[in-house]
Amino acid sequence: MNNDKVKQILTSNEMIVACIIIGLCIIIGIVNPMFVGQHTAINLSRAMLVTLIFAIAEMIVIVSGGIDVSFPAVACISLYATIKFMNANSIDSVLFAFAMSGGIGIVCGLLNAILVSKIKIPPLIATLGVSSLLNGITLAYLGAANISKIPDNVDSLSQQFIYTYTNEAGIKYALTVLILIPIVLYILAYVVLKYTMLGRGIYAIGGDKNAARIAGFNIIKIQFIVYMTAGFLAGIGGMTYTILMRQAGPQSLMGAEMMVIAAIVIGGTRITGGHGSVIGTLLGVTLIALVQNNLIMLGVPTHFQTFIVGFIIVVGTVITSIRVRYIDAKPKV
């Protein structure tokens, strides 16, 4: 490996975020030795599980040159309609729950795709409108009360674990089997984006639509795939959240979009499209989750944590912007 390649890796956004995560863990561990242990990794994995699903969906949309702020509303209508339908018809199947929730998400993603790709509405405006529309439909036609009755087989999934750790005090920490969902999704996303023509097309239209069209990529087709995939993953994320929380709420995930987008940008994805990585997204979500869930160990008051998260978002965005300008300013061979 030559020196330029090593320098590129060491100065990459992913490496910077990874170093921040390691440094933050060391600081928290020094201040509070109780932080160091398997229980922290298990708790952190659970805390970021649903965010990971949303983040990979949003990352693909942003890389393609778009943005989707409707995924919380898509997730809410998907999970709420599914649980309500299953209860009304005495259906008790985990596969059906995920299939129906994901299917509703695909339909919502299709609506986004039509507005963005066919009618040419700016993605932010289109998905913001869809978000408001779906939220209104959920509350007006499906209901506004939380549903605590979850079908037995679906609910039992929340009590299935792939690893259990018991500390010296006898407290058990269990890693939910649902963690396999984001693991599989991130592997699939990595393979598709890095090794397939579809992945190249997503990066191409995010970088320059005209150049992508000249290169032979079908812009409309790729946009439909991207937004429908994002809708499907929003539905899957919504059902995952329902199982973890053991209840279905019509607005339980509303407002999650800004933190998810922030994690993606911190991970190195350019908000203008054409650049981003699966590993960077994973690291960005990890950093945000680490800050949100462990700052109290440093003695930071709860009300002050919002400022810290915001500060990290601003710094991360600035670093990404500076790196983009530096790369663009370098002489092209």
C-alpha atoms as a PDB file:
ATOM      1  CA  MET A   1       0.000   0.000   0.000  1.00  0.00           C
ATOM      2  CA  ASN A   2       1.567   3.326  -1.084  1.00  0.00           C
ATOM      3  CA  ASN A   3       1.887   6.402   1.101  1.00  0.00           C
ATOM      4  CA  ASP A   4      -0.917   8.301  -0.646  1.00  0.00           C
ATOM      5  CA  LYS A   5      -3.338   5.462   0.029  1.00  0.00           C
ATOM      6  CA  VAL A   6      -2.326   5.290   3.696  1.00  0.00           C
ATOM      7  CA  LYS A   7      -2.689   9.064   4.035  1.00  0.00           C
ATOM      8  CA  GLN A   8      -6.105   8.921   2.410  1.00  0.00           C
ATOM      9  CA  ILE A   9      -7.291   6.281   4.872  1.00  0.00           C
ATOM     10  CA  LEU A  10      -5.869   8.067   7.925  1.00  0.00           C
ATOM     11  CA  THR A  11      -7.469  11.377   6.946  1.00  0.00           C
ATOM     12  CA  SER A  12     -10.785   9.912   5.847  1.00  0.00           C
ATOM     13  CA  ASN A  13     -13.986  11.043   7.515  1.00  0.00           C
ATOM     14  CA  GLU A  14     -14.585   7.492   8.756  1.00  0.00           C
ATOM     15  CA  MET A  15     -11.203   7.434  10.508  1.00  0.00           C
ATOM     16  CA  ILE A  16     -11.830  10.831  12.114  1.00  0.00           C
ATOM     17  CA  VAL A  17     -15.206   9.719  13.482  1.00  0.00           C
ATOM     18  CA  ALA A  18     -13.717   6.411  14.664  1.00  0.00           C
ATOM     19  CA  CYS A  19     -11.000   8.303  16.575  1.00  0.00           C
ATOM     20  CA  ILE A  20     -13.616  10.578  18.158  1.00  0.00           C
ATOM     21  CA  ILE A  21     -15.599   7.523  19.271  1.00  0.00           C
ATOM     22  CA  ILE A  22     -12.504   5.868  20.747  1.00  0.00           C
ATOM     23  CA  GLY A  23     -11.454   9.088  22.492  1.00  0.00           C
ATOM     24  CA  LEU A  24     -14.918   9.614  23.931  1.00  0.00           C
ATOM     25  CA  CYS A  25     -15.018   6.025  25.204  1.00  0.00           C
ATOM     26  CA  ILE A  26     -11.632   6.463  26.883  1.00  0.00           C
ATOM     27  CA  ILE A  27     -12.736   9.708  28.574  1.00  0.00           C
ATOM     28  CA  ILE A  28     -16.018   8.214  29.812  1.00  0.00           C
ATOM     29  CA  GLY A  29     -14.176   5.084  30.959  1.00  0.00           C
ATOM     30  CA  ILE A  30     -11.661   7.128  32.972  1.00  0.00           C
ATOM     31  CA  VAL A  31     -14.375   9.236  34.620  1.00  0.00           C
ATOM     32  CA  ASN A  32     -16.635   6.261  35.274  1.00  0.00           C
ATOM     33  CA  PRO A  33     -14.951   2.825  35.145  1.00  0.00           C
ATOM     34  CA  MET A  34     -18.423   1.222  35.211  1.00  0.00           C
ATOM     35  CA  PHE A  35     -18.740   2.262  31.569  1.00  0.00           C
ATOM     36  CA  VAL A  36     -16.148  -0.286  30.469  1.00  0.00           C
ATOM     37  CA  GLY A  37     -17.727  -3.683  29.950  1.00  0.00           C
ATOM     38  CA  GLN A  38     -19.887  -5.889  27.818  1.00  0.00           C
ATOM     39  CA  HIS A  39     -23.047  -4.340  29.255  1.00  0.00           C
ATOM     40  CA  THR A  40     -22.230  -1.005  27.629  1.00  0.00           C
ATOM     41  CA  ALA A  41     -21.911  -2.580  24.188  1.00  0.00           C
ATOM     42  CA  ILE A  42     -25.193  -4.446  24.663  1.00  0.00           C
ATOM     43  CA  ASN A  43     -27.065  -1.349  25.849  1.00  0.00           C
ATOM     44  CA  LEU A  44     -25.601   0.771  23.060  1.00  0.00           C
ATOM     45  CA  SER A  45     -26.570  -1.828  20.441  1.00  0.00           C
ATOM     46  CA  ARG A  46     -30.173  -1.779  21.599  1.00  0.00           C
ATOM     47  CA  ALA A  47     -30.260   2.024  21.746  1.00  0.00           C
ATOM     48  CA  MET A  48     -29.058   2.438  18.162  1.00  0.00           C
ATOM     49  CA  LEU A  49     -30.784  -0.570  16.593  1.00  0.00           C
ATOM     50  CA  VAL A  50     -33.777   1.198  15.008  1.00  0.00           C
ATOM     51  CA  THR A  51     -31.729   4.291  14.140  1.00  0.00           C
ATOM     52  CA  LEU A  52     -29.326   2.068  12.191  1.00  0.00           C
ATOM     53  CA  ILE A  53     -32.195   0.808  10.028  1.00  0.00           C
ATOM     54  CA  PHE A  54     -33.474   4.303   9.324  1.00  0.00           C
ATOM     55  CA  ALA A  55     -29.957   5.631   8.714  1.00  0.00           C
ATOM     56  CA  ILE A  56     -29.020   3.152   5.985  1.00  0.00           C
ATOM     57  CA  ALA A  57     -32.302   3.904   4.186  1.00  0.00           C
ATOM     58  CA  GLU A  58     -31.771   7.662   4.416  1.00  0.00           C
ATOM     59  CA  MET A  59     -28.108   7.368   3.466  1.00  0.00           C
ATOM     60  CA  ILE A  60     -29.010   5.654   0.166  1.00  0.00           C
ATOM     61  CA  VAL A  61     -31.531   8.397  -0.619  1.00  0.00           C
ATOM     62  CA  ILE A  62     -29.055  11.185   0.141  1.00  0.00           C
ATOM     63  CA  VAL A  63     -26.275   9.535  -1.872  1.00  0.00           C
ATOM     64  CA  SER A  64     -28.677   9.447  -4.834  1.00  0.00           C
ATOM     65  CA  GLY A  65     -29.024  13.226  -4.628  1.00  0.00           C
ATOM     66  CA  GLY A  66     -32.351  13.296  -2.777  1.00  0.00           C
ATOM     67  CA  ILE A  67     -33.565  13.476   0.781  1.00  0.00           C
ATOM     68  CA  ASP A  68     -36.418  11.797   2.634  1.00  0.00           C
ATOM     69  CA  VAL A  69     -37.885  13.365   5.768  1.00  0.00           C
ATOM     70  CA  SER A  70     -41.026  11.228   5.598  1.00  0.00           C
ATOM     71  CA  PHE A  71     -39.565   7.980   6.955  1.00  0.00           C
ATOM     72  CA  PRO A  72     -40.758   8.547  10.575  1.00  0.00           C
ATOM     73  CA  ALA A  73     -44.326   9.012   9.324  1.00  0.00           C
ATOM     74  CA  VAL A  74     -43.942   6.015   6.998  1.00  0.00           C
ATOM     75  CA  ALA A  75     -42.710   3.912   9.905  1.00  0.00           C
ATOM     76  CA  CYS A  76     -45.580   5.051  12.148  1.00  0.00           C
ATOM     77  CA  ILE A  77     -48.378   4.358   9.667  1.00  0.00           C
ATOM     78  CA  SER A  78     -46.773   1.032   8.723  1.00  0.00           C
ATOM     79  CA  LEU A  79     -46.401  -0.295  12.256  1.00  0.00           C
ATOM     80  CA  TYR A  80     -49.719   1.089  13.488  1.00  0.00           C
ATOM     81  CA  ALA A  81     -51.820  -0.135  10.548  1.00  0.00           C
ATOM     82  CA  THR A  82     -50.165  -3.553  10.674  1.00  0.00           C
ATOM     83  CA  ILE A  83     -50.731  -4.160  14.396  1.00  0.00           C
ATOM     84  CA  LYS A  84     -54.280  -2.855  14.195  1.00  0.00           C
ATOM     85  CA  PHE A  85     -55.052  -5.104  11.206  1.00  0.00           C
ATOM     86  CA  MET A  86     -53.485  -8.157  12.850  1.00  0.00           C
ATOM     87  CA  ASN A  87     -55.416  -7.641  16.075  1.00  0.00           C
ATOM     88  CA  ALA A  88     -58.698  -7.126  14.220  1.00  0.00           C
ATOM     89  CA  ASN A  89     -58.232 -10.305  12.182  1.00  0.00           C
ATOM     90  CA  SER A  90     -56.558 -12.467  14.865  1.00  0.00           C
ATOM     91  CA  ILE A  91     -53.372 -12.852  12.812  1.00  0.00           C
ATOM     92  CA  ASP A  92     -50.312 -13.868  14.802  1.00  0.00           C
ATOM     93  CA  SER A  93     -47.280 -14.195  12.532  1.00  0.00           C
ATOM     94  CA  VAL A  94     -43.908 -12.480  12.749  1.00  0.00           C
ATOM     95  CA  LEU A  95     -43.354 -12.899   9.011  1.00  0.00           C
ATOM     96  CA  PHE A  96     -46.742 -11.356   8.224  1.00  0.00           C
ATOM     97  CA  ALA A  97     -46.033  -8.437  10.558  1.00  0.00           C
ATOM     98  CA  PHE A  98     -42.774  -7.526   8.838  1.00  0.00           C
ATOM     99  CA  ALA A  99     -44.157  -8.244   5.350  1.00  0.00           C
ATOM    100  CA  MET A 100     -47.226  -6.041   5.791  1.00  0.00           C
ATOM    101  CA  SER A 101     -45.313  -3.234   7.491  1.00  0.00           C
ATOM    102  CA  GLY A 102     -42.635  -3.327   4.797  1.00  0.00           C
ATOM    103  CA  GLY A 103     -45.299  -3.498   2.079  1.00  0.00           C
ATOM    104  CA  ILE A 104     -47.050  -0.375   3.383  1.00  0.00           C
ATOM    105  CA  GLY A 105     -43.645   1.294   3.437  1.00  0.00           C
ATOM    106  CA  ILE A 106     -43.079   0.388  -0.221  1.00  0.00           C
ATOM    107  CA  VAL A 107     -46.402   2.006  -1.198  1.00  0.00           C
ATOM    108  CA  CYS A 108     -45.444   5.170   0.686  1.00  0.00           C
ATOM    109  CA  GLY A 109     -42.015   5.120  -0.964  1.00  0.00           C
ATOM    110  CA  LEU A 110     -43.717   4.766  -4.342  1.00  0.00           C
ATOM    111  CA  LEU A 111     -45.668   7.947  -3.640  1.00  0.00           C
ATOM    112  CA  ASN A 112     -42.428   9.761  -2.819  1.00  0.00           C
ATOM    113  CA  ALA A 113     -40.840   8.430  -6.012  1.00  0.00           C
ATOM    114  CA  ILE A 114     -43.726   9.623  -8.190  1.00  0.00           C
ATOM    115  CA  LEU A 115     -43.624  13.114  -6.704  1.00  0.00           C
ATOM    116  CA  VAL A 116     -39.840  13.409  -6.977  1.00  0.00           C
ATOM    117  CA  SER A 117     -39.132  11.563 -10.214  1.00  0.00           C
ATOM    118  CA  LYS A 118     -42.242  12.048 -12.322  1.00  0.00           C
ATOM    119  CA  ILE A 119     -43.737  15.333 -11.128  1.00  0.00           C
ATOM    120  CA  LYS A 120     -40.268  16.788 -10.402  1.00  0.00           C
ATOM    121  CA  ILE A 121     -41.100  18.233  -6.978  1.00  0.00           C
ATOM    122  CA  PRO A 122     -37.949  18.959  -4.924  1.00  0.00           C
ATOM    123  CA  PRO A 123     -37.319  15.948  -2.647  1.00  0.00           C
ATOM    124  CA  LEU A 124     -37.442  17.933   0.594  1.00  0.00           C
ATOM    125  CA  ILE A 125     -40.822  19.482  -0.249  1.00  0.00           C
ATOM    126  CA  ALA A 126     -42.248  16.226  -1.620  1.00  0.00           C
ATOM    127  CA  THR A 127     -41.286  14.068   1.347  1.00  0.00           C
ATOM    128  CA  LEU A 128     -42.257  16.776   3.840  1.00  0.00           C
ATOM    129  CA  GLY A 129     -45.711  16.864   2.271  1.00  0.00           C
ATOM    130  CA  VAL A 130     -45.973  13.070   2.305  1.00  0.00           C
ATOM    131  CA  SER A 131     -44.924  13.046   5.946  1.00  0.00           C
ATOM    132  CA  SER A 132     -47.715  15.439   6.900  1.00  0.00           C
ATOM    133  CA  LEU A 133     -50.201  13.511   4.744  1.00  0.00           C
ATOM    134  CA  LEU A 134     -49.357  10.126   6.279  1.00  0.00           C
ATOM    135  CA  ASN A 135     -49.336  11.489   9.805  1.00  0.00           C
ATOM    136  CA  GLY A 136     -52.778  12.993   9.230  1.00  0.00           C
ATOM    137  CA  ILE A 137     -54.137   9.738   7.779  1.00  0.00           C
ATOM    138  CA  THR A 138     -52.791   7.771  10.737  1.00  0.00           C
ATOM    139  CA  LEU A 139     -54.398  10.019  13.333  1.00  0.00           C
ATOM    140  CA  ALA A 140     -57.651  10.694  11.464  1.00  0.00           C
ATOM    141  CA  TYR A 141     -58.460   7.226  10.152  1.00  0.00           C
ATOM    142  CA  LEU A 142     -56.471   4.701  12.168  1.00  0.00           C
ATOM    143  CA  GLY A 143     -56.501   6.174  15.655  1.00  0.00           C
ATOM    144  CA  ALA A 144     -54.531   8.286  18.102  1.00  0.00           C
ATOM    145  CA  ALA A 145     -54.227   5.894  21.045  1.00  0.00           C
ATOM    146  CA  ASN A 146     -51.267   3.624  21.721  1.00  0.00           C
ATOM    147  CA  ILE A 147     -51.924  -0.088  21.201  1.00  0.00           C
ATOM    148  CA  SER A 148     -50.475  -2.213  23.992  1.00  0.00           C
ATOM    149  CA  LYS A 149     -51.892  -5.520  22.720  1.00  0.00           C
ATOM    150  CA  ILE A 150     -49.305  -7.032  20.383  1.00  0.00           C
ATOM    151  CA  PRO A 151     -49.895 -10.509  18.842  1.00  0.00           C
ATOM    152  CA  ASP A 152     -48.229 -13.126  21.050  1.00  0.00           C
ATOM    153  CA  ASN A 153     -45.699 -14.507  18.541  1.00  0.00           C
ATOM    154  CA  VAL A 154     -44.681 -10.995  17.493  1.00  0.00           C
ATOM    155  CA  ASP A 155     -44.390  -9.839  21.093  1.00  0.00           C
ATOM    156  CA  SER A 156     -42.369 -12.910  22.081  1.00  0.00           C
ATOM    157  CA  LEU A 157     -39.639 -11.835  19.657  1.00  0.00           C
ATOM    158  CA  SER A 158     -38.741  -9.057  22.092  1.00  0.00           C
ATOM    159  CA  GLN A 159     -37.741 -11.744  24.596  1.00  0.00           C
ATOM    160  CA  GLN A 160     -35.484 -13.718  22.253  1.00  0.00           C
ATOM    161  CA  PHE A 161     -31.774 -13.056  22.589  1.00  0.00           C
ATOM    162  CA  ILE A 162     -28.602 -14.162  20.845  1.00  0.00           C
ATOM    163  CA  TYR A 163     -26.289 -13.368  23.767  1.00  0.00           C
ATOM    164  CA  THR A 164     -26.728 -12.834  27.505  1.00  0.00           C
ATOM    165  CA  TYR A 165     -24.166 -11.390  29.894  1.00  0.00           C
ATOM    166  CA  THR A 166     -24.416 -11.435  33.686  1.00  0.00           C
ATOM    167  CA  ASN A 167     -22.164  -9.086  35.639  1.00  0.00           C
ATOM    168  CA  GLU A 168     -20.681  -9.635  39.088  1.00  0.00           C
ATOM    169  CA  ALA A 169     -23.764  -8.152  40.743  1.00  0.00           C
ATOM    170  CA  GLY A 170     -25.981 -10.713  39.058  1.00  0.00           C
ATOM    171  CA  ILE A 171     -27.587  -8.221  36.658  1.00  0.00           C
ATOM    172  CA  LYS A 172     -28.348  -9.700  33.256  1.00  0.00           C
ATOM    173  CA  TYR A 173     -27.809  -7.856  29.981  1.00  0.00           C
ATOM    174  CA  ALA A 174     -29.283  -9.465  26.878  1.00  0.00           C
ATOM    175  CA  LEU A 175     -28.558  -8.721  23.227  1.00  0.00           C
ATOM    176  CA  THR A 176     -31.805  -8.940  21.283  1.00  0.00           C
ATOM    177  CA  VAL A 177     -32.045 -11.153  18.221  1.00  0.00           C
ATOM    178  CA  LEU A 178     -33.408  -8.113  16.353  1.00  0.00           C
ATOM    179  CA  ILE A 179     -29.847  -6.799  16.080  1.00  0.00           C
ATOM    180  CA  LEU A 180     -29.467  -9.221  13.176  1.00  0.00           C
ATOM    181  CA  ILE A 181     -31.773  -7.019  11.078  1.00  0.00           C
ATOM    182  CA  PRO A 182     -29.422  -4.008  10.778  1.00  0.00           C
ATOM    183  CA  ILE A 183     -26.412  -6.320  10.479  1.00  0.00           C
ATOM    184  CA  VAL A 184     -27.923  -8.038   7.436  1.00  0.00           C
ATOM    185  CA  LEU A 185     -29.115  -4.723   5.960  1.00  0.00           C
ATOM    186  CA  TYR A 186     -25.689  -3.099   6.268  1.00  0.00           C
ATOM    187  CA  ILE A 187     -23.949  -6.055   4.639  1.00  0.00           C
ATOM    188  CA  LEU A 188     -26.447  -6.016   1.769  1.00  0.00           C
ATOM    189  CA  ALA A 189     -26.151  -2.247   1.361  1.00  0.00           C
ATOM    190  CA  TYR A 190     -22.360  -2.455   1.318  1.00  0.00           C
ATOM    191  CA  VAL A 191     -22.379  -5.134  -1.372  1.00  0.00           C
ATOM    192  CA  VAL A 192     -24.994  -3.380  -3.530  1.00  0.00           C
ATOM    193  CA  LEU A 193     -23.391   0.062  -3.347  1.00  0.00           C
ATOM    194  CA  LYS A 194     -19.845  -1.152  -3.886  1.00  0.00           C
ATOM    195  CA  TYR A 195     -20.137  -4.033  -6.316  1.00  0.00           C
ATOM    196  CA  THR A 196     -23.309  -3.671  -8.407  1.00  0.00           C
ATOM    197  CA  MET A 197     -24.346  -1.525 -11.340  1.00  0.00           C
ATOM    198  CA  LEU A 198     -27.304  -0.277  -9.308  1.00  0.00           C
ATOM    199  CA  GLY A 199     -24.920   0.985  -6.659  1.00  0.00           C
ATOM    200  CA  ARG A 200     -22.819   2.780  -9.261  1.00  0.00           C
ATOM    201  CA  GLY A 201     -25.982   4.309 -10.655  1.00  0.00           C
ATOM    202  CA  ILE A 202     -27.045   5.614  -7.230  1.00  0.00           C
ATOM    203  CA  TYR A 203     -23.699   7.341  -6.775  1.00  0.00           C
ATOM    204  CA  ALA A 204     -23.733   8.577 -10.375  1.00  0.00           C
ATOM    205  CA  ILE A 205     -27.114  10.312 -10.285  1.00  0.00           C
ATOM    206  CA  GLY A 206     -26.225  11.813  -6.910  1.00  0.00           C
ATOM    207  CA  GLY A 207     -23.041  13.262  -8.327  1.00  0.00           C
ATOM    208  CA  ASP A 208     -24.388  14.528 -11.660  1.00  0.00           C
ATOM    209  CA  LYS A 209     -27.704  13.470 -13.155  1.00  0.00           C
ATOM    210  CA  ASN A 210     -26.864  14.657 -16.650  1.00  0.00           C
ATOM    211  CA  ALA A 211     -23.559  12.814 -16.663  1.00  0.00           C
ATOM    212  CA  ALA A 212     -25.306   9.712 -15.318  1.00  0.00           C
ATOM    213  CA  ARG A 213     -27.930   9.930 -18.060  1.00  0.00           C
ATOM    214  CA  ILE A 214     -25.237  10.246 -20.726  1.00  0.00           C
ATOM    215  CA  ALA A 215     -23.477   7.235 -19.192  1.00  0.00           C
ATOM    216  CA  GLY A 216     -26.619   5.209 -19.780  1.00  0.00           C
ATOM    217  CA  PHE A 217     -28.192   5.079 -16.314  1.00  0.00           C
ATOM    218  CA  ASN A 218     -31.985   5.143 -16.109  1.00  0.00           C
ATOM    219  CA  ILE A 219     -32.504   8.042 -13.691  1.00  0.00           C
ATOM    220  CA  ILE A 220     -36.222   7.523 -13.095  1.00  0.00           C
ATOM    221  CA  LYS A 221     -35.869   3.782 -12.514  1.00  0.00           C
ATOM    222  CA  ILE A 222     -33.068   4.245  -9.997  1.00  0.00           C
ATOM    223  CA  GLN A 223     -34.999   6.945  -8.126  1.00  0.00           C
ATOM    224  CA  PHE A 224     -38.035   4.673  -7.894  1.00  0.00           C
ATOM    225  CA  ILE A 225     -35.875   1.860  -6.522  1.00  0.00           C
ATOM    226  CA  VAL A 226     -34.207   4.185  -4.009  1.00  0.00           C
ATOM    227  CA  TYR A 227     -37.384   5.713  -2.591  1.00  0.00           C
ATOM    228  CA  MET A 228     -39.307   2.441  -2.523  1.00  0.00           C
ATOM    229  CA  THR A 229     -36.391   0.762  -0.763  1.00  0.00           C
ATOM    230  CA  ALA A 230     -36.303   3.605   1.756  1.00  0.00           C
ATOM    231  CA  GLY A 231     -40.032   3.145   2.359  1.00  0.00           C
ATOM    232  CA  PHE A 232     -39.626  -0.600   2.804  1.00  0.00           C
ATOM    233  CA  LEU A 233     -36.814  -0.144   5.333  1.00  0.00           C
ATOM    234  CA  ALA A 234     -38.859   2.499   7.180  1.00  0.00           C
ATOM    235  CA  GLY A 235     -41.636  -0.061   7.534  1.00  0.00           C
ATOM    236  CA  ILE A 236     -39.187  -2.690   8.765  1.00  0.00           C
ATOM    237  CA  GLY A 237     -37.703  -0.193  11.220  1.00  0.00           C
ATOM    238  CA  GLY A 238     -41.162   0.714  12.471  1.00  0.00           C
ATOM    239  CA  MET A 239     -42.107  -2.904  13.181  1.00  0.00           C
ATOM    240  CA  THR A 240     -38.735  -3.479  14.854  1.00  0.00           C
ATOM    241  CA  TYR A 241     -39.374  -0.512  17.124  1.00  0.00           C
ATOM    242  CA  THR A 242     -42.845  -1.830  17.978  1.00  0.00           C
ATOM    243  CA  ILE A 243     -41.432  -5.199  19.007  1.00  0.00           C
ATOM    244  CA  LEU A 244     -38.702  -3.614  21.127  1.00  0.00           C
ATOM    245  CA  MET A 245     -41.142  -1.250  22.868  1.00  0.00           C
ATOM    246  CA  ARG A 246     -43.925  -3.874  23.013  1.00  0.00           C
ATOM    247  CA  GLN A 247     -46.542  -1.362  21.919  1.00  0.00           C
ATOM    248  CA  ALA A 248     -47.637   0.473  18.776  1.00  0.00           C
ATOM    249  CA  GLY A 249     -47.919   4.248  18.818  1.00  0.00           C
ATOM    250  CA  PRO A 250     -49.254   6.397  15.952  1.00  0.00           C
ATOM    251  CA  GLN A 251     -46.611   9.074  16.549  1.00  0.00           C
ATOM    252  CA  SER A 252     -43.927   7.194  18.462  1.00  0.00           C
ATOM    253  CA  LEU A 253     -41.201   7.852  15.886  1.00  0.00           C
ATOM    254  CA  MET A 254     -42.138  11.316  14.676  1.00  0.00           C
ATOM    255  CA  GLY A 255     -39.286  13.796  14.912  1.00  0.00           C
ATOM    256  CA  ALA A 256     -36.536  11.224  14.399  1.00  0.00           C
ATOM    257  CA  GLU A 257     -35.497  12.516  10.977  1.00  0.00           C
ATOM    258  CA  MET A 258     -33.121  15.293  12.027  1.00  0.00           C
ATOM    259  CA  MET A 259     -31.019  13.118  14.336  1.00  0.00           C
ATOM    260  CA  VAL A 260     -30.801  10.365  11.710  1.00  0.00           C
ATOM    261  CA  ILE A 261     -29.758  12.799   8.975  1.00  0.00           C
ATOM    262  CA  ALA A 262     -27.232  14.353  11.363  1.00  0.00           C
ATOM    263  CA  ALA A 263     -25.668  10.947  12.066  1.00  0.00           C
ATOM    264  CA  ILE A 264     -25.399  10.287   8.329  1.00  0.00           C
ATOM    265  CA  VAL A 265     -23.734  13.626   7.622  1.00  0.00           C
ATOM    266  CA  ILE A 266     -21.325  13.148  10.530  1.00  0.00           C
ATOM    267  CA  GLY A 267     -20.455   9.786   8.968  1.00  0.00           C
ATOM    268  CA  GLY A 268     -19.233  11.570   5.837  1.00  0.00           C
ATOM    269  CA  THR A 269     -22.217  11.454   3.500  1.00  0.00           C
ATOM    270  CA  ARG A 270     -22.487  14.665   1.503  1.00  0.00           C
ATOM    271  CA  ILE A 271     -25.916  16.223   1.848  1.00  0.00           C
ATOM    272  CA  THR A 272     -25.644  17.241  -1.819  1.00  0.00           C
ATOM    273  CA  GLY A 273     -25.338  13.591  -2.887  1.00  0.00           C
ATOM    274  CA  GLY A 274     -22.855  11.447  -4.759  1.00  0.00           C
ATOM    275  CA  HIS A 275     -20.689  10.512  -1.800  1.00  0.00           C
ATOM    276  CA  GLY A 276     -21.147   8.414   1.324  1.00  0.00           C
ATOM    277  CA  SER A 277     -20.304   5.050   2.810  1.00  0.00           C
ATOM    278  CA  VAL A 278     -22.014   2.325   4.800  1.00  0.00           C
ATOM    279  CA  ILE A 279     -19.155   2.225   7.306  1.00  0.00           C
ATOM    280  CA  GLY A 280     -19.322   5.997   7.773  1.00  0.00           C
ATOM    281  CA  THR A 281     -23.054   5.800   8.436  1.00  0.00           C
ATOM    282  CA  LEU A 282     -22.527   3.062  11.013  1.00  0.00           C
ATOM    283  CA  LEU A 283     -19.887   5.166  12.778  1.00  0.00           C
ATOM    284  CA  GLY A 284     -22.035   8.308  12.677  1.00  0.00           C
ATOM    285  CA  VAL A 285     -24.975   6.526  14.297  1.00  0.00           C
ATOM    286  CA  THR A 286     -22.646   5.012  16.894  1.00  0.00           C
ATOM    287  CA  LEU A 287     -21.227   8.418  17.822  1.00  0.00           C
ATOM    288  CA  ILE A 288     -24.662  10.010  18.215  1.00  0.00           C
ATOM    289  CA  ALA A 289     -25.948   7.058  20.275  1.00  0.00           C
ATOM    290  CA  LEU A 290     -22.826   7.131  22.457  1.00  0.00           C
ATOM    291  CA  VAL A 291     -23.274  10.820  23.167  1.00  0.00           C
ATOM    292  CA  GLN A 292     -27.023  10.603  23.790  1.00  0.00           C
ATOM    293  CA  ASN A 293     -26.830   7.633  26.125  1.00  0.00           C
ATOM    294  CA  ASN A 294     -23.596   8.096  28.054  1.00  0.00           C
ATOM    295  CA  LEU A 295     -22.920  11.804  28.614  1.00  0.00           C
ATOM    296  CA  ILE A 296     -24.598  11.539  31.993  1.00  0.00           C
ATOM    297  CA  MET A 297     -21.624   9.404  33.083  1.00  0.00           C
ATOM    298  CA  LEU A 298     -19.450  12.496  32.563  1.00  0.00           C
ATOM    299  CA  GLY A 299     -21.728  14.487  34.826  1.00  0.00           C
ATOM    300  CA  VAL A 300     -23.335  16.368  31.933  1.00  0.00           C
ATOM    301  CA  PRO A 301     -26.927  17.378  32.858  1.00  0.00           C
ATOM    302  CA  THR A 302     -29.680  15.947  30.677  1.00  0.00           C
ATOM    303  CA  HIS A 303     -30.818  19.362  29.462  1.00  0.00           C
ATOM    304  CA  PHE A 304     -27.249  20.196  28.380  1.00  0.00           C
ATOM    305  CA  GLN A 305     -26.869  17.061  26.264  1.00  0.00           C
ATOM    306  CA  THR A 306     -28.866  18.570  23.401  1.00  0.00           C
ATOM    307  CA  PHE A 307     -26.234  21.295  23.115  1.00  0.00           C
ATOM    308  CA  ILE A 308     -23.424  18.724  23.029  1.00  0.00           C
ATOM    309  CA  VAL A 309     -25.154  16.702  20.317  1.00  0.00           C
ATOM    310  CA  GLY A 310     -25.765  19.873  18.310  1.00  0.00           C
ATOM    311  CA  PHE A 311     -22.126  20.902  18.722  1.00  0.00           C
ATOM    312  CA  ILE A 312     -20.920  17.541  17.433  1.00  0.00           C
ATOM    313  CA  ILE A 313     -23.283  17.809  14.466  1.00  0.00           C
ATOM    314  CA  VAL A 314     -21.968  21.279  13.559  1.00  0.00           C
ATOM    315  CA  VAL A 315     -18.320  20.254  13.960  1.00  0.00           C
ATOM    316  CA  GLY A 316     -18.849  17.060  11.979  1.00  0.00           C
ATOM    317  CA  THR A 317     -20.571  18.949   9.173  1.00  0.00           C
ATOM    318  CA  VAL A 318     -17.817  21.572   9.070  1.00  0.00           C
ATOM    319  CA  ILE A 319     -15.111  18.893   8.902  1.00  0.00           C
ATOM    320  CA  THR A 320     -16.934  17.177   6.032  1.00  0.00           C
ATOM    321  CA  SER A 321     -17.364  20.486   4.194  1.00  0.00           C
ATOM    322  CA  ILE A 322     -13.682  21.404   4.606  1.00  0.00           C
ATOM    323  CA  ARG A 323     -12.606  17.976   3.326  1.00  0.00           C
ATOM    324  CA  VAL A 324     -14.871  18.310   0.282  1.00  0.00           C
ATOM    325  CA  ARG A 325     -13.409  21.731  -0.548  1.00  0.00           C
ATOM    326  CA  TYR A 326      -9.874  20.394  -0.085  1.00  0.00           C
ATOM    327  CA  ILE A 327     -10.525  17.422  -2.357  1.00  0.00           C
ATOM    328  CA  ASP A 328     -12.187  19.615  -5.001  1.00  0.00           C
ATOM    329  CA  ALA A 329      -9.258  22.047  -4.900  1.00  0.00           C
ATOM    330  CA  LYS A 330      -6.650  19.340  -5.513  1.00  0.00           C
ATOM    331  CA  PRO A 331      -5.319  19.184  -9.072  1.00  0.00           C
ATOM    332  CA  LYS A 332      -7.054  16.518 -11.128  1.00  0.00           C
ATOM    333  CA  VAL A 333      -4.926  14.038 -13.042  1.00  0.00           C
END
